[in-house]
Amino acid sequence: FFPDVQGFMAMVKKGYQPVWNPKNYDFGRTKEPKDGQIVQELL
């Protein structure tokens, strides 16, 4: 979807401010691995 760094970063800065520039963060719950994936919450 974002073949270059600039497009990726534009998307992150526009829609994901909390993870792009967090004041702080901590890991929450982790869903056990299933179908080769892990679901991880980040507070």
All heavy atoms as atom14 arrays in JSON, in Angstrom:
{
  "sequence": "FFPDVQGFMAMVKKGYQPVWNPKNYDFGRTKEPKDGQIVQELL",
  "atom14_mask": [
    [1, 1, 1, 1, 1, 1, 1, 1, 1, 1, 1, 0, 0, 0],
    [1, 1, 1, 1, 1, 1, 1, 1, 1, 1, 1, 0, 0, 0],
    [1, 1, 1, 1, 1, 1, 1, 0, 0, 0, 0, 0, 0, 0],
    [1, 1, 1, 1, 1, 1, 1, 1, 0, 0, 0, 0, 0, 0],
    [1, 1, 1, 1, 1, 1, 1, 0, 0, 0, 0, 0, 0, 0],
    [1, 1, 1, 1, 1, 1, 1, 1, 1, 0, 0, 0, 0, 0],
    [1, 1, 1, 1, 0, 0, 0, 0, 0, 0, 0, 0, 0, 0],
    [1, 1, 1, 1, 1, 1, 1, 1, 1, 1, 1, 0, 0, 0],
    [1, 1, 1, 1, 1, 1, 1, 1, 0, 0, 0, 0, 0, 0],
    [1, 1, 1, 1, 1, 0, 0, 0, 0, 0, 0, 0, 0, 0],
    [1, 1, 1, 1, 1, 1, 1, 1, 0, 0, 0, 0, 0, 0],
    [1, 1, 1, 1, 1, 1, 1, 0, 0, 0, 0, 0, 0, 0],
    [1, 1, 1, 1, 1, 1, 1, 1, 1, 0, 0, 0, 0, 0],
    [1, 1, 1, 1, 1, 1, 1, 1, 1, 0, 0, 0, 0, 0],
    [1, 1, 1, 1, 0, 0, 0, 0, 0, 0, 0, 0, 0, 0],
    [1, 1, 1, 1, 1, 1, 1, 1, 1, 1, 1, 1, 0, 0],
    [1, 1, 1, 1, 1, 1, 1, 1, 1, 0, 0, 0, 0, 0],
    [1, 1, 1, 1, 1, 1, 1, 0, 0, 0, 0, 0, 0, 0],
    [1, 1, 1, 1, 1, 1, 1, 0, 0, 0, 0, 0, 0, 0],
    [1, 1, 1, 1, 1, 1, 1, 1, 1, 1, 1, 1, 1, 1],
    [1, 1, 1, 1, 1, 1, 1, 1, 0, 0, 0, 0, 0, 0],
    [1, 1, 1, 1, 1, 1, 1, 0, 0, 0, 0, 0, 0, 0],
    [1, 1, 1, 1, 1, 1, 1, 1, 1, 0, 0, 0, 0, 0],
    [1, 1, 1, 1, 1, 1, 1, 1, 0, 0, 0, 0, 0, 0],
    [1, 1, 1, 1, 1, 1, 1, 1, 1, 1, 1, 1, 0, 0],
    [1, 1, 1, 1, 1, 1, 1, 1, 0, 0, 0, 0, 0, 0],
    [1, 1, 1, 1, 1, 1, 1, 1, 1, 1, 1, 0, 0, 0],
    [1, 1, 1, 1, 0, 0, 0, 0, 0, 0, 0, 0, 0, 0],
    [1, 1, 1, 1, 1, 1, 1, 1, 1, 1, 1, 0, 0, 0],
    [1, 1, 1, 1, 1, 1, 1, 0, 0, 0, 0, 0, 0, 0],
    [1, 1, 1, 1, 1, 1, 1, 1, 1, 0, 0, 0, 0, 0],
    [1, 1, 1, 1, 1, 1, 1, 1, 1, 0, 0, 0, 0, 0],
    [1, 1, 1, 1, 1, 1, 1, 0, 0, 0, 0, 0, 0, 0],
    [1, 1, 1, 1, 1, 1, 1, 1, 1, 0, 0, 0, 0, 0],
    [1, 1, 1, 1, 1, 1, 1, 1, 0, 0, 0, 0, 0, 0],
    [1, 1, 1, 1, 0, 0, 0, 0, 0, 0, 0, 0, 0, 0],
    [1, 1, 1, 1, 1, 1, 1, 1, 1, 0, 0, 0, 0, 0],
    [1, 1, 1, 1, 1, 1, 1, 1, 0, 0, 0, 0, 0, 0],
    [1, 1, 1, 1, 1, 1, 1, 0, 0, 0, 0, 0, 0, 0],
    [1, 1, 1, 1, 1, 1, 1, 1, 1, 0, 0, 0, 0, 0],
    [1, 1, 1, 1, 1, 1, 1, 1, 1, 0, 0, 0, 0, 0],
    [1, 1, 1, 1, 1, 1, 1, 1, 0, 0, 0, 0, 0, 0],
    [1, 1, 1, 1, 1, 1, 1, 1, 0, 0, 0, 0, 0, 0]
  ],
  "atom14_positions": [
    [[0.82, -1.22, 0.0], [0.0, 0.0, 0.0], [0.85, 1.26, 0.0], [0.45, 2.29, -0.54], [-0.95, 0.01, 1.2], [-2.09, -0.93, 1.08], [-2.12, -2.1, 1.82], [-3.15, -0.67, 0.22], [-3.18, -2.99, 1.71], [-4.21, -1.55, 0.1], [-4.23, -2.71, 0.84], [0.0, 0.0, 0.0], [0.0, 0.0, 0.0], [0.0, 0.0, 0.0]],
    [[2.0, 1.2, 0.66], [2.9, 2.34, 0.78], [4.29, 1.89, 0.36], [5.1, 1.51, 1.2], [2.9, 2.88, 2.22], [1.54, 3.25, 2.71], [0.8, 2.36, 3.48], [0.97, 4.47, 2.38], [-0.48, 2.69, 3.91], [-0.3, 4.81, 2.8], [-1.03, 3.93, 3.57], [0.0, 0.0, 0.0], [0.0, 0.0, 0.0], [0.0, 0.0, 0.0]],
    [[4.58, 1.92, -0.95], [5.84, 1.36, -1.44], [7.09, 2.18, -1.1], [8.19, 1.7, -1.26], [5.65, 1.28, -2.95], [4.51, 2.19, -3.26], [3.7, 2.33, -2.03], [0.0, 0.0, 0.0], [0.0, 0.0, 0.0], [0.0, 0.0, 0.0], [0.0, 0.0, 0.0], [0.0, 0.0, 0.0], [0.0, 0.0, 0.0], [0.0, 0.0, 0.0]],
    [[6.91, 3.41, -0.58], [8.09, 4.19, -0.21], [7.93, 4.77, 1.19], [6.82, 4.87, 1.73], [8.4, 5.28, -1.23], [7.27, 6.28, -1.4], [6.69, 6.72, -0.39], [6.97, 6.63, -2.55], [0.0, 0.0, 0.0], [0.0, 0.0, 0.0], [0.0, 0.0, 0.0], [0.0, 0.0, 0.0], [0.0, 0.0, 0.0], [0.0, 0.0, 0.0]],
    [[9.04, 5.14, 1.76], [9.08, 5.65, 3.13], [8.24, 6.91, 3.27], [7.51, 7.08, 4.26], [10.55, 5.91, 3.57], [10.61, 6.57, 4.93], [11.33, 4.62, 3.58], [0.0, 0.0, 0.0], [0.0, 0.0, 0.0], [0.0, 0.0, 0.0], [0.0, 0.0, 0.0], [0.0, 0.0, 0.0], [0.0, 0.0, 0.0], [0.0, 0.0, 0.0]],
    [[8.31, 7.81, 2.3], [7.59, 9.08, 2.39], [6.08, 8.88, 2.48], [5.41, 9.51, 3.3], [7.94, 10.0, 1.21], [9.37, 10.47, 1.18], [10.35, 9.4, 0.69], [10.0, 8.43, 0.04], [11.63, 9.6, 1.02], [0.0, 0.0, 0.0], [0.0, 0.0, 0.0], [0.0, 0.0, 0.0], [0.0, 0.0, 0.0], [0.0, 0.0, 0.0]],
    [[5.54, 8.0, 1.65], [4.11, 7.71, 1.69], [3.69, 7.07, 3.01], [2.65, 7.4, 3.58], [0.0, 0.0, 0.0], [0.0, 0.0, 0.0], [0.0, 0.0, 0.0], [0.0, 0.0, 0.0], [0.0, 0.0, 0.0], [0.0, 0.0, 0.0], [0.0, 0.0, 0.0], [0.0, 0.0, 0.0], [0.0, 0.0, 0.0], [0.0, 0.0, 0.0]],
    [[4.51, 6.16, 3.48], [4.25, 5.5, 4.75], [4.23, 6.51, 5.89], [3.31, 6.55, 6.71], [5.31, 4.41, 5.01], [5.23, 3.78, 6.37], [4.24, 2.86, 6.68], [6.16, 4.11, 7.35], [4.18, 2.27, 7.94], [6.1, 3.53, 8.61], [5.11, 2.61, 8.9], [0.0, 0.0, 0.0], [0.0, 0.0, 0.0], [0.0, 0.0, 0.0]],
    [[5.24, 7.36, 5.93], [5.34, 8.33, 7.02], [4.21, 9.36, 6.95], [3.71, 9.79, 7.99], [6.71, 9.02, 7.02], [7.83, 8.09, 7.46], [7.55, 7.26, 9.06], [7.38, 8.65, 10.16], [0.0, 0.0, 0.0], [0.0, 0.0, 0.0], [0.0, 0.0, 0.0], [0.0, 0.0, 0.0], [0.0, 0.0, 0.0], [0.0, 0.0, 0.0]],
    [[3.79, 9.76, 5.76], [2.66, 10.69, 5.64], [1.41, 10.08, 6.25], [0.66, 10.75, 6.97], [2.44, 11.07, 4.18], [0.0, 0.0, 0.0], [0.0, 0.0, 0.0], [0.0, 0.0, 0.0], [0.0, 0.0, 0.0], [0.0, 0.0, 0.0], [0.0, 0.0, 0.0], [0.0, 0.0, 0.0], [0.0, 0.0, 0.0], [0.0, 0.0, 0.0]],
    [[1.18, 8.79, 5.97], [0.03, 8.08, 6.53], [0.12, 8.0, 8.05], [-0.85, 8.27, 8.76], [-0.05, 6.67, 5.92], [-1.14, 5.77, 6.47], [-0.69, 4.76, 7.93], [0.69, 3.79, 7.36], [0.0, 0.0, 0.0], [0.0, 0.0, 0.0], [0.0, 0.0, 0.0], [0.0, 0.0, 0.0], [0.0, 0.0, 0.0], [0.0, 0.0, 0.0]],
    [[1.3, 7.67, 8.57], [1.49, 7.54, 10.01], [1.26, 8.89, 10.7], [0.53, 8.97, 11.69], [2.9, 6.99, 10.35], [3.21, 7.1, 11.83], [3.04, 5.55, 9.88], [0.0, 0.0, 0.0], [0.0, 0.0, 0.0], [0.0, 0.0, 0.0], [0.0, 0.0, 0.0], [0.0, 0.0, 0.0], [0.0, 0.0, 0.0], [0.0, 0.0, 0.0]],
    [[1.86, 9.94, 10.18], [1.74, 11.26, 10.8], [0.3, 11.77, 10.77], [-0.13, 12.45, 11.7], [2.67, 12.25, 10.12], [4.13, 11.98, 10.42], [5.04, 12.9, 9.62], [6.51, 12.55, 9.85], [7.4, 13.39, 9.04], [0.0, 0.0, 0.0], [0.0, 0.0, 0.0], [0.0, 0.0, 0.0], [0.0, 0.0, 0.0], [0.0, 0.0, 0.0]],
    [[-0.42, 11.42, 9.73], [-1.81, 11.89, 9.6], [-2.77, 11.09, 10.47], [-3.63, 11.67, 11.14], [-2.26, 11.82, 8.15], [-3.65, 12.34, 7.93], [-4.03, 12.32, 6.47], [-5.45, 12.85, 6.31], [-5.89, 12.77, 4.93], [0.0, 0.0, 0.0], [0.0, 0.0, 0.0], [0.0, 0.0, 0.0], [0.0, 0.0, 0.0], [0.0, 0.0, 0.0]],
    [[-2.64, 9.78, 10.49], [-3.64, 8.94, 11.15], [-3.23, 8.24, 12.42], [-4.07, 7.63, 13.08], [0.0, 0.0, 0.0], [0.0, 0.0, 0.0], [0.0, 0.0, 0.0], [0.0, 0.0, 0.0], [0.0, 0.0, 0.0], [0.0, 0.0, 0.0], [0.0, 0.0, 0.0], [0.0, 0.0, 0.0], [0.0, 0.0, 0.0], [0.0, 0.0, 0.0]],
    [[-1.96, 8.33, 12.78], [-1.46, 7.56, 13.92], [-0.59, 8.41, 14.85], [0.42, 7.96, 15.37], [-0.68, 6.33, 13.42], [-1.56, 5.36, 12.69], [-1.77, 5.49, 11.31], [-2.21, 4.33, 13.35], [-2.6, 4.62, 10.63], [-3.04, 3.45, 12.68], [-3.23, 3.6, 11.32], [-4.05, 2.73, 10.65], [0.0, 0.0, 0.0], [0.0, 0.0, 0.0]],
    [[-1.01, 9.65, 15.08], [-0.26, 10.57, 15.94], [0.11, 9.96, 17.3], [1.24, 10.14, 17.74], [-1.07, 11.85, 16.17], [-0.97, 12.85, 15.04], [0.33, 13.6, 15.05], [0.83, 13.99, 16.11], [0.89, 13.8, 13.87], [0.0, 0.0, 0.0], [0.0, 0.0, 0.0], [0.0, 0.0, 0.0], [0.0, 0.0, 0.0], [0.0, 0.0, 0.0]],
    [[-0.81, 9.25, 17.97], [-0.46, 8.72, 19.3], [0.75, 7.78, 19.29], [1.52, 7.78, 20.25], [-1.73, 7.99, 19.74], [-2.82, 8.7, 19.02], [-2.24, 9.04, 17.67], [0.0, 0.0, 0.0], [0.0, 0.0, 0.0], [0.0, 0.0, 0.0], [0.0, 0.0, 0.0], [0.0, 0.0, 0.0], [0.0, 0.0, 0.0], [0.0, 0.0, 0.0]],
    [[0.93, 6.98, 18.23], [2.09, 6.08, 18.21], [3.28, 6.73, 17.51], [4.42, 6.34, 17.74], [1.78, 4.7, 17.58], [0.79, 3.95, 18.44], [1.31, 4.8, 16.17], [0.0, 0.0, 0.0], [0.0, 0.0, 0.0], [0.0, 0.0, 0.0], [0.0, 0.0, 0.0], [0.0, 0.0, 0.0], [0.0, 0.0, 0.0], [0.0, 0.0, 0.0]],
    [[3.04, 7.71, 16.67], [4.13, 8.41, 16.01], [4.86, 9.33, 16.99], [6.09, 9.45, 16.95], [3.62, 9.22, 14.81], [4.7, 10.04, 14.17], [5.8, 9.58, 13.51], [4.79, 11.46, 14.17], [6.57, 10.64, 13.08], [5.96, 11.81, 13.48], [3.98, 12.48, 14.67], [6.36, 13.12, 13.28], [4.37, 13.78, 14.47], [5.55, 14.09, 13.78]],
    [[4.11, 9.95, 17.89], [4.69, 10.91, 18.81], [4.09, 10.73, 20.22], [3.44, 11.63, 20.73], [4.45, 12.33, 18.29], [5.18, 13.37, 19.08], [6.14, 13.08, 19.78], [4.71, 14.61, 19.0], [0.0, 0.0, 0.0], [0.0, 0.0, 0.0], [0.0, 0.0, 0.0], [0.0, 0.0, 0.0], [0.0, 0.0, 0.0], [0.0, 0.0, 0.0]],
    [[4.3, 9.58, 20.84], [3.68, 9.34, 22.15], [4.39, 10.07, 23.28], [5.6, 10.24, 23.27], [3.84, 7.83, 22.32], [5.1, 7.51, 21.59], [5.12, 8.45, 20.41], [0.0, 0.0, 0.0], [0.0, 0.0, 0.0], [0.0, 0.0, 0.0], [0.0, 0.0, 0.0], [0.0, 0.0, 0.0], [0.0, 0.0, 0.0], [0.0, 0.0, 0.0]],
    [[3.58, 10.51, 24.26], [4.19, 11.04, 25.49], [4.76, 9.86, 26.28], [5.83, 9.95, 26.85], [3.15, 11.78, 26.34], [2.92, 13.18, 25.89], [2.11, 13.93, 26.93], [2.02, 15.39, 26.54], [1.31, 16.17, 27.54], [0.0, 0.0, 0.0], [0.0, 0.0, 0.0], [0.0, 0.0, 0.0], [0.0, 0.0, 0.0], [0.0, 0.0, 0.0]],
    [[3.99, 8.77, 26.32], [4.46, 7.53, 26.92], [3.6, 6.38, 26.41], [2.55, 6.6, 25.81], [4.5, 7.59, 28.46], [3.15, 7.89, 29.05], [2.17, 7.23, 28.75], [3.09, 8.89, 29.91], [0.0, 0.0, 0.0], [0.0, 0.0, 0.0], [0.0, 0.0, 0.0], [0.0, 0.0, 0.0], [0.0, 0.0, 0.0], [0.0, 0.0, 0.0]],
    [[4.06, 5.18, 26.66], [3.33, 3.99, 26.23], [3.73, 2.81, 27.1], [4.79, 2.8, 27.71], [3.57, 3.68, 24.75], [4.99, 3.31, 24.39], [5.4, 1.99, 24.39], [5.9, 4.3, 24.07], [6.7, 1.66, 24.06], [7.21, 3.97, 23.73], [7.6, 2.66, 23.72], [8.9, 2.32, 23.39], [0.0, 0.0, 0.0], [0.0, 0.0, 0.0]],
    [[2.82, 1.83, 27.13], [3.08, 0.61, 27.87], [2.3, -0.51, 27.19], [1.23, -0.27, 26.62], [2.65, 0.75, 29.33], [3.25, -0.31, 30.23], [4.21, -1.0, 29.81], [2.79, -0.44, 31.37], [0.0, 0.0, 0.0], [0.0, 0.0, 0.0], [0.0, 0.0, 0.0], [0.0, 0.0, 0.0], [0.0, 0.0, 0.0], [0.0, 0.0, 0.0]],
    [[2.8, -1.71, 27.29], [2.12, -2.83, 26.66], [0.95, -3.3, 27.51], [1.05, -3.39, 28.72], [3.1, -3.98, 26.39], [4.09, -3.62, 25.32], [5.35, -3.18, 25.65], [3.73, -3.69, 23.98], [6.26, -2.82, 24.68], [4.63, -3.33, 23.0], [5.89, -2.89, 23.33], [0.0, 0.0, 0.0], [0.0, 0.0, 0.0], [0.0, 0.0, 0.0]],
    [[-0.16, -3.57, 26.84], [-1.34, -4.11, 27.48], [-1.44, -5.6, 27.23], [-0.42, -6.31, 27.18], [0.0, 0.0, 0.0], [0.0, 0.0, 0.0], [0.0, 0.0, 0.0], [0.0, 0.0, 0.0], [0.0, 0.0, 0.0], [0.0, 0.0, 0.0], [0.0, 0.0, 0.0], [0.0, 0.0, 0.0], [0.0, 0.0, 0.0], [0.0, 0.0, 0.0]],
    [[-2.66, -6.05, 27.01], [-2.9, -7.49, 26.82], [-2.32, -7.99, 25.5], [-2.23, -7.25, 24.53], [-4.4, -7.76, 26.83], [-5.05, -7.47, 28.16], [-6.53, -7.67, 28.1], [-7.08, -6.65, 27.2], [-8.35, -6.44, 26.99], [-9.24, -7.17, 27.59], [-8.76, -5.5, 26.16], [0.0, 0.0, 0.0], [0.0, 0.0, 0.0], [0.0, 0.0, 0.0]],
    [[-1.96, -9.26, 25.51], [-1.48, -9.94, 24.32], [-2.39, -11.12, 24.06], [-2.64, -11.92, 24.97], [-0.04, -10.46, 24.51], [0.79, -9.39, 24.92], [0.49, -11.1, 23.24], [0.0, 0.0, 0.0], [0.0, 0.0, 0.0], [0.0, 0.0, 0.0], [0.0, 0.0, 0.0], [0.0, 0.0, 0.0], [0.0, 0.0, 0.0], [0.0, 0.0, 0.0]],
    [[-2.89, -11.21, 22.85], [-3.68, -12.38, 22.46], [-2.7, -13.44, 22.0], [-1.78, -13.16, 21.23], [-4.63, -12.0, 21.33], [-5.87, -12.8, 21.27], [-6.77, -12.22, 20.19], [-8.18, -12.69, 20.36], [-9.03, -12.16, 19.3], [0.0, 0.0, 0.0], [0.0, 0.0, 0.0], [0.0, 0.0, 0.0], [0.0, 0.0, 0.0], [0.0, 0.0, 0.0]],
    [[-2.89, -14.65, 22.49], [-1.97, -15.74, 22.17], [-1.84, -15.93, 20.66], [-2.79, -15.68, 19.92], [-2.47, -17.03, 22.81], [-2.41, -17.01, 24.32], [-1.02, -16.81, 24.86], [-0.07, -17.42, 24.36], [-0.87, -16.03, 25.81], [0.0, 0.0, 0.0], [0.0, 0.0, 0.0], [0.0, 0.0, 0.0], [0.0, 0.0, 0.0], [0.0, 0.0, 0.0]],
    [[-0.67, -16.36, 20.22], [-0.47, -16.57, 18.79], [-1.53, -17.49, 18.19], [-1.87, -18.52, 18.76], [0.91, -17.23, 18.72], [1.59, -16.81, 19.97], [0.51, -16.68, 21.0], [0.0, 0.0, 0.0], [0.0, 0.0, 0.0], [0.0, 0.0, 0.0], [0.0, 0.0, 0.0], [0.0, 0.0, 0.0], [0.0, 0.0, 0.0], [0.0, 0.0, 0.0]],
    [[-2.11, -17.06, 17.09], [-3.12, -17.85, 16.39], [-2.98, -17.55, 14.91], [-2.83, -16.39, 14.51], [-4.51, -17.45, 16.88], [-5.63, -18.23, 16.25], [-6.97, -17.8, 16.78], [-8.06, -18.53, 16.03], [-9.37, -18.09, 16.41], [0.0, 0.0, 0.0], [0.0, 0.0, 0.0], [0.0, 0.0, 0.0], [0.0, 0.0, 0.0], [0.0, 0.0, 0.0]],
    [[-3.04, -18.58, 14.11], [-2.93, -18.43, 12.66], [-1.68, -17.65, 12.27], [-1.71, -16.86, 11.34], [-4.18, -17.76, 12.08], [-5.46, -18.54, 12.35], [-5.37, -19.78, 12.44], [-6.52, -17.92, 12.49], [0.0, 0.0, 0.0], [0.0, 0.0, 0.0], [0.0, 0.0, 0.0], [0.0, 0.0, 0.0], [0.0, 0.0, 0.0], [0.0, 0.0, 0.0]],
    [[-0.62, -17.83, 13.03], [0.63, -17.16, 12.71], [0.66, -15.69, 13.05], [1.56, -14.98, 12.6], [0.0, 0.0, 0.0], [0.0, 0.0, 0.0], [0.0, 0.0, 0.0], [0.0, 0.0, 0.0], [0.0, 0.0, 0.0], [0.0, 0.0, 0.0], [0.0, 0.0, 0.0], [0.0, 0.0, 0.0], [0.0, 0.0, 0.0], [0.0, 0.0, 0.0]],
    [[-0.31, -15.2, 13.83], [-0.35, -13.79, 14.19], [-0.47, -13.61, 15.7], [-0.96, -14.49, 16.39], [-1.52, -13.09, 13.5], [-1.41, -13.06, 12.0], [-2.43, -12.15, 11.36], [-3.46, -11.84, 11.93], [-2.14, -11.72, 10.15], [0.0, 0.0, 0.0], [0.0, 0.0, 0.0], [0.0, 0.0, 0.0], [0.0, 0.0, 0.0], [0.0, 0.0, 0.0]],
    [[-0.02, -12.46, 16.16], [-0.2, -12.05, 17.55], [-0.95, -10.72, 17.52], [-0.66, -9.87, 16.68], [1.16, -11.86, 18.26], [1.84, -13.2, 18.49], [1.0, -11.11, 19.58], [3.2, -13.1, 19.12], [0.0, 0.0, 0.0], [0.0, 0.0, 0.0], [0.0, 0.0, 0.0], [0.0, 0.0, 0.0], [0.0, 0.0, 0.0], [0.0, 0.0, 0.0]],
    [[-1.88, -10.55, 18.43], [-2.54, -9.27, 18.6], [-2.05, -8.69, 19.92], [-2.19, -9.32, 20.97], [-4.08, -9.41, 18.58], [-4.75, -8.07, 18.85], [-4.54, -9.98, 17.24], [0.0, 0.0, 0.0], [0.0, 0.0, 0.0], [0.0, 0.0, 0.0], [0.0, 0.0, 0.0], [0.0, 0.0, 0.0], [0.0, 0.0, 0.0], [0.0, 0.0, 0.0]],
    [[-1.46, -7.5, 19.85], [-0.85, -6.86, 21.01], [-1.46, -5.49, 21.23], [-1.47, -4.66, 20.33], [0.66, -6.72, 20.79], [1.4, -5.96, 21.87], [1.38, -6.67, 23.2], [1.86, -7.79, 23.31], [0.82, -6.05, 24.23], [0.0, 0.0, 0.0], [0.0, 0.0, 0.0], [0.0, 0.0, 0.0], [0.0, 0.0, 0.0], [0.0, 0.0, 0.0]],
    [[-1.96, -5.24, 22.45], [-2.45, -3.91, 22.8], [-1.29, -3.06, 23.28], [-0.4, -3.53, 23.98], [-3.47, -3.99, 23.93], [-4.81, -4.52, 23.53], [-5.81, -4.49, 24.69], [-5.43, -4.16, 25.84], [-6.98, -4.8, 24.43], [0.0, 0.0, 0.0], [0.0, 0.0, 0.0], [0.0, 0.0, 0.0], [0.0, 0.0, 0.0], [0.0, 0.0, 0.0]],
    [[-1.35, -1.78, 22.9], [-0.39, -0.8, 23.39], [-1.19, 0.35, 23.97], [-2.04, 0.94, 23.29], [0.49, -0.31, 22.23], [1.64, 0.61, 22.63], [2.74, -0.2, 23.33], [2.21, 1.3, 21.4], [0.0, 0.0, 0.0], [0.0, 0.0, 0.0], [0.0, 0.0, 0.0], [0.0, 0.0, 0.0], [0.0, 0.0, 0.0], [0.0, 0.0, 0.0]],
    [[-0.97, 0.62, 25.25], [-1.66, 1.72, 25.92], [-0.79, 2.95, 25.77], [0.37, 2.96, 26.2], [-1.88, 1.36, 27.39], [-2.52, -0.02, 27.61], [-2.54, -0.38, 29.09], [-3.9, -0.09, 27.0], [0.0, 0.0, 0.0], [0.0, 0.0, 0.0], [0.0, 0.0, 0.0], [0.0, 0.0, 0.0], [0.0, 0.0, 0.0], [0.0, 0.0, 0.0]]
  ]
}
